C-alpha atoms as a PDB file:
ATOM      1  CA  SER A   1       0.000   0.000   0.000  1.00  0.00           C
ATOM      2  CA  ALA A   2       1.010   3.617  -0.327  1.00  0.00           C
ATOM      3  CA  THR A   3       1.129   3.871   3.456  1.00  0.00           C
ATOM      4  CA  ALA A   4       3.666   1.040   3.672  1.00  0.00           C
ATOM      5  CA  SER A   5       5.922   2.908   1.262  1.00  0.00           C
ATOM      6  CA  MET A   6       6.329   5.569   3.950  1.00  0.00           C
ATOM      7  CA  GLY A   7       8.419   3.011   5.830  1.00  0.00           C
ATOM      8  CA  VAL A   8      10.859   2.805   2.931  1.00  0.00           C
ATOM      9  CA  ILE A   9      11.017   6.568   2.530  1.00  0.00           C
ATOM     10  CA  HIS A  10      11.534   7.164   6.261  1.00  0.00           C
ATOM     11  CA  ALA A  11      13.691   4.103   7.033  1.00  0.00           C
ATOM     12  CA  SER A  12      15.830   4.659  10.136  1.00  0.00           C
ATOM     13  CA  HIS A  13      13.950   7.856  11.128  1.00  0.00           C
ATOM     14  CA  THR A  14      12.974   6.174  14.365  1.00  0.00           C
ATOM     15  CA  THR A  15      12.408   9.267  16.473  1.00  0.00           C
ATOM     16  CA  GLU A  16       9.738  10.614  14.101  1.00  0.00           C
ATOM     17  CA  ALA A  17       8.149   7.254  13.201  1.00  0.00           C
ATOM     18  CA  MET A  18       5.087   7.377  15.444  1.00  0.00           C
ATOM     19  CA  THR A  19       4.405  11.021  14.589  1.00  0.00           C
ATOM     20  CA  LEU A  20       4.667  10.346  10.851  1.00  0.00           C
ATOM     21  CA  LEU A  21       2.419   7.287  10.966  1.00  0.00           C
ATOM     22  CA  GLU A  22      -0.057   8.424  13.631  1.00  0.00           C
ATOM     23  CA  PRO A  23      -2.821   9.412  11.168  1.00  0.00           C
ATOM     24  CA  TYR A  24      -2.739   5.912   9.655  1.00  0.00           C
ATOM     25  CA  LEU A  25      -2.106   3.639  12.651  1.00  0.00           C
ATOM     26  CA  PRO A  26      -5.021   1.604  13.999  1.00  0.00           C
ATOM     27  CA  PRO A  27      -6.460   2.867  17.298  1.00  0.00           C
ATOM     28  CA  SER A  28      -4.761   1.651  20.477  1.00  0.00           C
ATOM     29  CA  ALA A  29      -5.868   1.230  24.047  1.00  0.00           C
ATOM     30  CA  PRO A  30      -4.841   4.195  26.241  1.00  0.00           C
ATOM     31  CA  ALA A  31      -1.181   3.903  27.256  1.00  0.00           C
ATOM     32  CA  ASP A  32      -1.890   4.930  30.849  1.00  0.00           C
ATOM     33  CA  ASP A  33      -4.453   2.135  31.388  1.00  0.00           C
ATOM     34  CA  PRO A  34      -3.007  -1.334  30.698  1.00  0.00           C
ATOM     35  CA  ASN A  35      -6.367  -2.961  31.558  1.00  0.00           C
ATOM     36  CA  ALA A  36      -8.331  -0.924  29.027  1.00  0.00           C
ATOM     37  CA  GLU A  37     -10.129  -2.798  26.303  1.00  0.00           C
ATOM     38  CA  HIS A  38      -8.459  -2.725  22.921  1.00  0.00           C
ATOM     39  CA  PRO A  39     -10.669  -1.061  20.307  1.00  0.00           C
ATOM     40  CA  THR A  40     -12.678  -3.459  18.175  1.00  0.00           C
ATOM     41  CA  VAL A  41     -11.072  -4.240  14.832  1.00  0.00           C
ATOM     42  CA  SER A  42     -13.395  -4.174  11.842  1.00  0.00           C
ATOM     43  CA  ALA A  43     -13.312  -7.222   9.580  1.00  0.00           C
ATOM     44  CA  THR A  44     -13.280  -5.043   6.456  1.00  0.00           C
ATOM     45  CA  GLY A  45     -10.930  -2.385   5.132  1.00  0.00           C
ATOM     46  CA  GLY A  46      -7.824  -1.535   7.100  1.00  0.00           C
ATOM     47  CA  TYR A  47      -5.428  -1.093   4.195  1.00  0.00           C
ATOM     48  CA  ALA A  48      -3.942   2.161   5.519  1.00  0.00           C
ATOM     49  CA  GLU A  49      -3.756   0.716   9.045  1.00  0.00           C
ATOM     50  CA  GLY A  50      -2.094  -2.514   7.927  1.00  0.00           C
ATOM     51  CA  GLY A  51       0.290  -0.582   5.711  1.00  0.00           C
ATOM     52  CA  SER A  52       1.237   1.719   8.562  1.00  0.00           C
ATOM     53  CA  LEU A  53       2.097  -1.240  10.815  1.00  0.00           C
ATOM     54  CA  TYR A  54       4.295  -2.663   8.069  1.00  0.00           C
ATOM     55  CA  ALA A  55       5.860   0.798   7.596  1.00  0.00           C
ATOM     56  CA  LEU A  56       6.668   0.930  11.311  1.00  0.00           C
ATOM     57  CA  GLY A  57       8.504  -2.369  10.940  1.00  0.00           C
ATOM     58  CA  LEU A  58      10.406  -1.074   7.924  1.00  0.00           C
ATOM     59  CA  ILE A  59      11.447   2.067   9.799  1.00  0.00           C
ATOM     60  CA  HIS A  60      12.667   0.183  12.874  1.00  0.00           C
ATOM     61  CA  GLY A  61      13.845  -2.964  11.127  1.00  0.00           C
ATOM     62  CA  SER A  62      17.129  -1.430  10.019  1.00  0.00           C
ATOM     63  CA  HIS A  63      19.706  -2.346  12.619  1.00  0.00           C
ATOM     64  CA  ALA A  64      21.888   0.498  11.344  1.00  0.00           C
ATOM     65  CA  GLY A  65      19.446   3.261  12.214  1.00  0.00           C
ATOM     66  CA  SER A  66      17.458   1.878  15.138  1.00  0.00           C
ATOM     67  CA  SER A  67      18.656   1.320  18.675  1.00  0.00           C
ATOM     68  CA  THR A  68      17.778  -1.920  20.415  1.00  0.00           C
ATOM     69  CA  GLU A  69      15.511   0.026  22.770  1.00  0.00           C
ATOM     70  CA  LYS A  70      13.560   1.661  19.916  1.00  0.00           C
ATOM     71  CA  ARG A  71      13.252  -1.654  18.050  1.00  0.00           C
ATOM     72  CA  LEU A  72      11.922  -3.356  21.191  1.00  0.00           C
ATOM     73  CA  GLU A  73       9.431  -0.519  21.743  1.00  0.00           C
ATOM     74  CA  ALA A  74       8.189  -0.805  18.150  1.00  0.00           C
ATOM     75  CA  SER A  75       8.058  -4.597  18.369  1.00  0.00           C
ATOM     76  CA  THR A  76       5.967  -4.434  21.549  1.00  0.00           C
ATOM     77  CA  PHE A  77       3.560  -1.992  19.902  1.00  0.00           C
ATOM     78  CA  LEU A  78       3.274  -4.189  16.806  1.00  0.00           C
ATOM     79  CA  ARG A  79       2.814  -7.387  18.836  1.00  0.00           C
ATOM     80  CA  LYS A  80      -0.077  -5.772  20.711  1.00  0.00           C
ATOM     81  CA  HIS A  81      -1.764  -5.051  17.388  1.00  0.00           C
ATOM     82  CA  LEU A  82      -0.902  -8.519  16.103  1.00  0.00           C
ATOM     83  CA  ARG A  83      -2.692 -10.160  19.044  1.00  0.00           C
ATOM     84  CA  ASN A  84      -5.784  -7.963  18.617  1.00  0.00           C
ATOM     85  CA  SER A  85      -6.151  -7.889  14.845  1.00  0.00           C
ATOM     86  CA  HIS A  86      -7.113 -11.451  13.933  1.00  0.00           C
ATOM     87  CA  ALA A  87     -10.550 -10.259  12.752  1.00  0.00           C
ATOM     88  CA  ASN A  88      -8.951  -8.265   9.917  1.00  0.00           C
ATOM     89  CA  GLU A  89      -6.460 -10.088   7.710  1.00  0.00           C
ATOM     90  CA  VAL A  90      -5.084  -6.870   6.194  1.00  0.00           C
ATOM     91  CA  ILE A  91      -4.153  -5.399   9.581  1.00  0.00           C
ATOM     92  CA  SER A  92      -2.858  -8.809  10.711  1.00  0.00           C
ATOM     93  CA  HIS A  93      -0.714  -8.995   7.571  1.00  0.00           C
ATOM     94  CA  GLY A  94       0.900  -5.610   8.242  1.00  0.00           C
ATOM     95  CA  ALA A  95       1.374  -6.326  11.947  1.00  0.00           C
ATOM     96  CA  ALA A  96       2.979  -9.718  11.259  1.00  0.00           C
ATOM     97  CA  LEU A  97       5.463  -8.309   8.745  1.00  0.00           C
ATOM     98  CA  GLY A  98       6.258  -5.428  11.102  1.00  0.00           C
ATOM     99  CA  VAL A  99       6.871  -7.846  13.972  1.00  0.00           C
ATOM    100  CA  GLY A 100       9.123  -9.950  11.753  1.00  0.00           C
ATOM    101  CA  LEU A 101      11.203  -6.931  10.791  1.00  0.00           C
ATOM    102  CA  THR A 102      11.555  -5.549  14.322  1.00  0.00           C
ATOM    103  CA  SER A 103      12.376  -8.991  15.749  1.00  0.00           C
ATOM    104  CA  PHE A 104      14.655  -9.994  12.859  1.00  0.00           C
ATOM    105  CA  GLY A 105      17.155 -12.658  13.910  1.00  0.00           C
ATOM    106  CA  SER A 106      16.132 -12.574  17.579  1.00  0.00           C
ATOM    107  CA  ALA A 107      15.031 -16.250  17.682  1.00  0.00           C
ATOM    108  CA  ASP A 108      12.431 -15.179  20.276  1.00  0.00           C
ATOM    109  CA  LEU A 109      10.125 -18.187  20.587  1.00  0.00           C
ATOM    110  CA  GLU A 110       7.443 -16.133  22.329  1.00  0.00           C
ATOM    111  CA  VAL A 111       7.172 -13.972  19.211  1.00  0.00           C
ATOM    112  CA  VAL A 112       7.147 -17.100  17.045  1.00  0.00           C
ATOM    113  CA  GLY A 113       4.289 -18.480  19.165  1.00  0.00           C
ATOM    114  CA  GLU A 114       2.217 -15.339  18.581  1.00  0.00           C
ATOM    115  CA  LEU A 115       2.891 -15.566  14.859  1.00  0.00           C
ATOM    116  CA  LYS A 116       1.911 -19.249  14.870  1.00  0.00           C
ATOM    117  CA  GLU A 117      -1.462 -18.276  16.370  1.00  0.00           C
ATOM    118  CA  LEU A 118      -2.020 -16.042  13.356  1.00  0.00           C
ATOM    119  CA  LEU A 119      -0.824 -18.774  11.010  1.00  0.00           C
ATOM    120  CA  TYR A 120      -3.527 -21.087  12.351  1.00  0.00           C
ATOM    121  CA  THR A 121      -6.404 -18.610  11.849  1.00  0.00           C
ATOM    122  CA  ASP A 122      -7.174 -20.060   8.409  1.00  0.00           C
ATOM    123  CA  SER A 123      -6.478 -16.800   6.574  1.00  0.00           C
ATOM    124  CA  ALA A 124      -4.240 -17.245   3.544  1.00  0.00           C
ATOM    125  CA  VAL A 125      -3.123 -13.609   3.447  1.00  0.00           C
ATOM    126  CA  ALA A 126      -2.363 -13.251   7.152  1.00  0.00           C
ATOM    127  CA  GLY A 127      -0.935 -16.779   7.338  1.00  0.00           C
ATOM    128  CA  GLU A 128       1.519 -16.060   4.546  1.00  0.00           C
ATOM    129  CA  ALA A 129       2.731 -12.933   6.353  1.00  0.00           C
ATOM    130  CA  ALA A 130       2.990 -14.865   9.625  1.00  0.00           C
ATOM    131  CA  SER A 131       5.126 -17.553   8.012  1.00  0.00           C
ATOM    132  CA  TYR A 132       7.437 -14.967   6.422  1.00  0.00           C
ATOM    133  CA  ALA A 133       7.698 -13.204   9.783  1.00  0.00           C
ATOM    134  CA  MET A 134       8.530 -16.475  11.559  1.00  0.00           C
ATOM    135  CA  GLY A 135      11.382 -16.927   9.096  1.00  0.00           C
ATOM    136  CA  MET A 136      12.618 -13.401   9.799  1.00  0.00           C
ATOM    137  CA  VAL A 137      12.562 -13.977  13.561  1.00  0.00           C
ATOM    138  CA  LEU A 138      14.336 -17.332  13.295  1.00  0.00           C
ATOM    139  CA  VAL A 139      16.877 -16.443  10.593  1.00  0.00           C
ATOM    140  CA  GLY A 140      20.349 -17.577  11.604  1.00  0.00           C
ATOM    141  CA  SER A 141      19.134 -19.577  14.599  1.00  0.00           C
ATOM    142  CA  GLY A 142      19.371 -22.977  12.948  1.00  0.00           C
ATOM    143  CA  ALA A 143      15.746 -23.694  13.862  1.00  0.00           C
ATOM    144  CA  GLY A 144      14.410 -26.525  11.785  1.00  0.00           C
ATOM    145  CA  ASN A 145      17.685 -28.441  11.705  1.00  0.00           C
ATOM    146  CA  ALA A 146      17.547 -31.978  13.083  1.00  0.00           C
ATOM    147  CA  SER A 147      19.985 -31.047  15.856  1.00  0.00           C
ATOM    148  CA  SER A 148      18.232 -27.818  16.816  1.00  0.00           C
ATOM    149  CA  SER A 149      16.326 -27.531  20.088  1.00  0.00           C
ATOM    150  CA  ALA A 150      14.463 -24.499  18.685  1.00  0.00           C
ATOM    151  CA  GLY A 151      13.240 -26.709  15.848  1.00  0.00           C
ATOM    152  CA  GLU A 152      11.694 -29.064  18.406  1.00  0.00           C
ATOM    153  CA  GLU A 153      10.003 -26.104  20.111  1.00  0.00           C
ATOM    154  CA  LEU A 154       8.370 -25.083  16.827  1.00  0.00           C
ATOM    155  CA  ALA A 155       6.711 -28.425  16.204  1.00  0.00           C
END
């Protein structure tokens, strides 16, 4: 989407990322109330919202321009949307790709578990993004090799 292209244009501009993407990001629960209900996600539309989540991943995914702290902050934000967006495959698609980019090479099995939940939702579009994102998270870990303990965890 055109919104996702903003992530390419503004890659590594991590301090301005949320301000740039704010008009397009899906609504979030209030930051000061962790128990607040997450806004309901519509099953239709969401192209700008999904694109903005992907753009956030593109902006923070560059290890050259993003500190570990900023990448973790973006990943946490994206994972929250990933968990709450299963009703809309377009938003789920953008959130999954964003999570994959911000968690690239981390081999974090908790993140992989959240992506597997999306993979099993029976949505071809979101499932494809989840599987790509799982590959991004596990790249370089050796997961899937016969001698890998992470490979056993994935089964």
